[in-house]
Protein backbone atom coordinates (compact mmCIF):
# COMPACT_ATOMS: atom_id res chain seq x y z
CA MET A 1 180.14 130.75 78.12
CA ALA A 2 181.90 127.93 79.96
CA CYS A 3 181.43 127.72 83.70
CA ILE A 4 184.61 125.85 84.52
CA GLY A 5 187.18 127.49 86.80
CA LEU A 6 185.43 130.83 87.30
CA PRO A 7 185.50 132.14 90.86
CA ASP A 8 182.17 132.91 92.54
CA GLU A 9 183.19 136.55 93.08
CA ASN A 10 186.06 138.79 92.12
CA ARG A 11 187.50 140.18 95.32
CA ALA A 12 189.77 143.11 96.02
CA GLN A 13 193.46 142.50 96.70
CA ASP A 14 193.03 142.47 100.49
CA GLY A 15 190.33 139.74 100.33
CA VAL A 16 187.46 142.08 101.20
CA ALA A 17 184.99 142.80 98.42
CA SER A 18 183.39 146.14 97.98
CA THR A 19 180.03 146.40 96.25
CA SER A 20 181.56 148.15 93.26
CA GLN A 21 184.11 145.40 92.80
CA VAL A 22 181.80 142.34 93.00
CA ARG A 23 180.93 140.58 89.78
CA VAL A 24 178.63 137.53 90.10
CA ASN A 25 179.71 134.42 88.26
CA PRO A 26 176.88 133.59 85.80
CA CYS A 27 177.30 129.91 86.68
CA SER A 28 177.02 130.33 90.45
CA PRO A 29 173.83 129.57 92.37
CA ARG A 30 173.48 133.30 93.06
CA ALA A 31 172.85 133.92 89.38
CA PHE A 32 169.74 131.76 89.39
CA ARG A 33 167.90 133.52 92.22
CA GLY A 34 164.75 135.53 91.65
CA ARG A 35 164.35 137.73 88.57
CA ALA A 36 168.10 138.11 88.17
CA GLY A 37 168.19 134.56 86.85
CA GLY A 38 168.40 135.54 83.22
CA ALA A 39 167.51 132.81 80.73
CA ALA A 40 167.44 130.10 83.41
CA GLY A 41 165.00 132.10 85.54
CA ARG A 42 162.76 132.78 82.58
CA LEU A 43 162.79 129.10 81.64
CA GLY A 44 161.89 128.07 85.19
CA ARG A 45 159.01 130.53 85.29
CA ALA A 46 157.79 129.33 81.86
CA VAL A 47 157.84 125.69 82.97
CA SER A 48 156.03 126.57 86.21
CA GLY A 49 153.43 128.49 84.23
CA PHE A 50 152.92 125.57 81.88
CA PHE A 51 152.26 123.17 84.77
CA LEU A 52 149.89 125.65 86.38
CA VAL A 53 147.86 125.94 83.16
CA ALA A 54 147.84 122.15 82.74
CA ALA A 55 146.68 121.64 86.33
CA LEU A 56 143.88 124.18 85.91
CA ALA A 57 142.72 122.55 82.67
CA PHE A 58 142.68 119.14 84.35
CA ALA A 59 140.75 120.49 87.34
CA GLN A 60 138.17 122.14 85.08
CA GLY A 61 137.69 118.88 83.17
CA ALA A 62 137.24 116.95 86.42
CA ALA A 63 134.77 119.54 87.67
CA ALA A 64 132.79 119.27 84.45
CA ARG A 65 132.64 115.49 84.74
CA GLY A 66 131.59 115.75 88.38
CA SER A 67 128.90 118.32 87.65
CA SER A 68 127.33 116.14 84.95
CA TRP A 69 127.05 113.31 87.49
CA GLU A 70 125.44 115.61 90.03
CA GLN A 71 123.11 117.17 87.43
CA SER A 72 121.90 113.74 86.38
CA GLY A 73 121.00 112.93 89.97
CA GLY A 74 123.42 110.02 90.23
CA ASN A 75 120.77 107.43 89.45
CA ALA A 76 121.54 103.74 89.16
CA ALA A 77 120.82 103.97 85.42
CA ASP A 78 123.78 106.35 85.09
CA VAL A 79 126.28 103.68 86.14
CA PRO A 80 126.59 100.72 83.81
CA VAL A 81 126.72 97.71 86.11
CA GLY A 82 126.07 94.16 84.96
CA THR A 83 124.42 91.49 87.06
CA VAL A 84 125.46 88.11 88.40
CA ASN A 85 123.19 85.44 89.85
CA VAL A 86 124.02 84.13 93.32
CA GLY A 87 124.41 80.66 91.80
CA GLU A 88 127.14 81.96 89.48
CA LEU A 89 129.26 83.42 92.30
CA PRO A 90 132.27 81.56 93.70
CA ARG A 91 131.35 79.52 96.79
CA GLU A 92 133.49 81.86 98.94
CA ALA A 93 131.33 84.81 97.80
CA VAL A 94 128.14 82.91 98.68
CA ALA A 95 129.61 82.18 102.13
CA THR A 96 130.49 85.88 102.55
CA LEU A 97 126.92 86.86 101.65
CA GLY A 98 125.73 84.49 104.38
CA LEU A 99 128.03 86.14 106.91
CA ILE A 100 126.76 89.58 105.87
CA GLY A 101 123.17 88.45 106.44
CA GLU A 102 124.09 87.10 109.88
CA GLY A 103 126.06 90.18 110.86
CA GLY A 104 129.39 88.32 111.14
CA PRO A 105 131.75 87.33 112.56
CA TYR A 106 133.95 88.26 109.63
CA PRO A 107 137.34 86.68 108.96
CA TYR A 108 139.07 89.97 108.12
CA GLU A 109 139.45 93.05 110.31
CA LYS A 110 138.47 95.45 107.52
CA ASP A 111 135.23 93.66 106.68
CA GLY A 112 132.22 95.90 107.21
CA VAL A 113 134.09 99.21 106.85
CA VAL A 114 132.58 102.05 104.84
CA PHE A 115 133.24 101.86 101.11
CA GLY A 116 133.78 105.34 99.67
CA ASN A 117 132.83 104.65 96.02
CA PHE A 118 135.48 107.20 95.01
CA GLU A 119 135.75 105.69 91.52
CA ARG A 120 131.98 106.15 91.09
CA GLN A 121 131.56 102.62 89.82
CA LEU A 122 128.37 102.21 91.88
CA PRO A 123 125.24 104.37 91.98
CA HIS A 124 125.77 107.62 93.90
CA HIS A 125 124.68 107.68 97.55
CA ARG A 126 125.77 109.58 100.64
CA ARG A 127 128.99 108.55 102.35
CA GLY A 128 128.42 105.62 104.68
CA PHE A 129 125.77 103.98 102.51
CA TYR A 130 128.10 101.26 101.18
CA HIS A 131 130.15 98.75 103.22
CA GLU A 132 132.78 96.40 101.86
CA TYR A 133 133.51 92.76 102.67
CA THR A 134 136.34 90.48 101.62
CA VAL A 135 135.66 87.39 99.56
CA PRO A 136 138.49 84.99 100.44
CA THR A 137 140.69 83.99 97.51
CA PRO A 138 142.05 80.45 97.71
CA HIS A 139 145.85 80.27 98.01
CA ALA A 140 146.19 84.06 98.35
CA ARG A 141 148.64 85.33 100.98
CA ASN A 142 146.64 88.53 101.49
CA ARG A 143 142.99 89.56 101.21
CA GLY A 144 143.07 89.15 97.45
CA ALA A 145 141.12 91.22 94.94
CA ARG A 146 137.59 89.86 95.39
CA ARG A 147 135.07 91.96 97.32
CA ILE A 148 131.37 92.31 98.00
CA VAL A 149 130.04 95.82 98.56
CA CYS A 150 126.55 96.18 100.04
CA GLY A 151 124.47 99.33 100.22
CA GLY A 152 121.83 100.22 102.76
CA PRO A 153 121.33 98.92 106.29
CA LEU A 154 123.81 96.40 107.65
CA ARG A 155 122.78 92.73 107.32
CA HIS A 156 120.77 93.50 104.18
CA THR A 157 121.97 91.64 101.11
CA ASP A 158 119.39 92.87 98.59
CA ASN A 159 121.64 95.71 97.33
CA CYS A 160 125.06 94.04 96.99
CA TYR A 161 127.69 94.11 94.26
CA TYR A 162 130.51 91.67 93.49
CA SER A 163 133.97 92.69 92.26
CA ASP A 164 136.65 90.19 91.32
CA ASP A 165 139.18 92.84 90.26
CA HIS A 166 139.50 95.03 93.37
CA TYR A 167 136.80 97.58 92.53
CA ALA A 168 137.73 98.09 88.87
CA SER A 169 134.30 96.69 87.90
CA PHE A 170 131.17 95.49 89.68
CA LYS A 171 128.22 93.22 89.02
CA ARG A 172 125.00 93.54 90.96
CA ILE A 173 124.16 90.32 92.79
CA VAL A 174 120.64 89.11 92.00
CA GLU A 175 118.75 86.23 93.59
């Protein structure tokens, strides 16, 4: 049925509609409300149901992945992290390690803030265990992608990790 040129309602001759004389145009917005929506309403409910099922399946998969991490205890062996020697780090990273050991001052305002480890790239610890620090990138107009994340007490550099790709991967810094 074409929806062009149909009035929204058929009205009586005097312009006042009575309930027995009103016929809803199937193309009007009124036709798509609630259960009276016909095929369009059923389609909308089917699409909504599909997304609900997909969201539940995704949530169950995420919960299963999270539970396996928690069941394993979140040990360092569970997270594959390579190592890098201090001598192999860029000189800016070595300088940042020195600042961490001295307790600052740090060149960036966000240096020393808590690192959440939301991507679970590092071994699992309570929130507040890790702190992040910026490794300056030459010729960068912003903080760049390089970071050092250290775990444990502040000023300790024996449990630090280096990332040159903004937390996508880490290497444990070894002496």
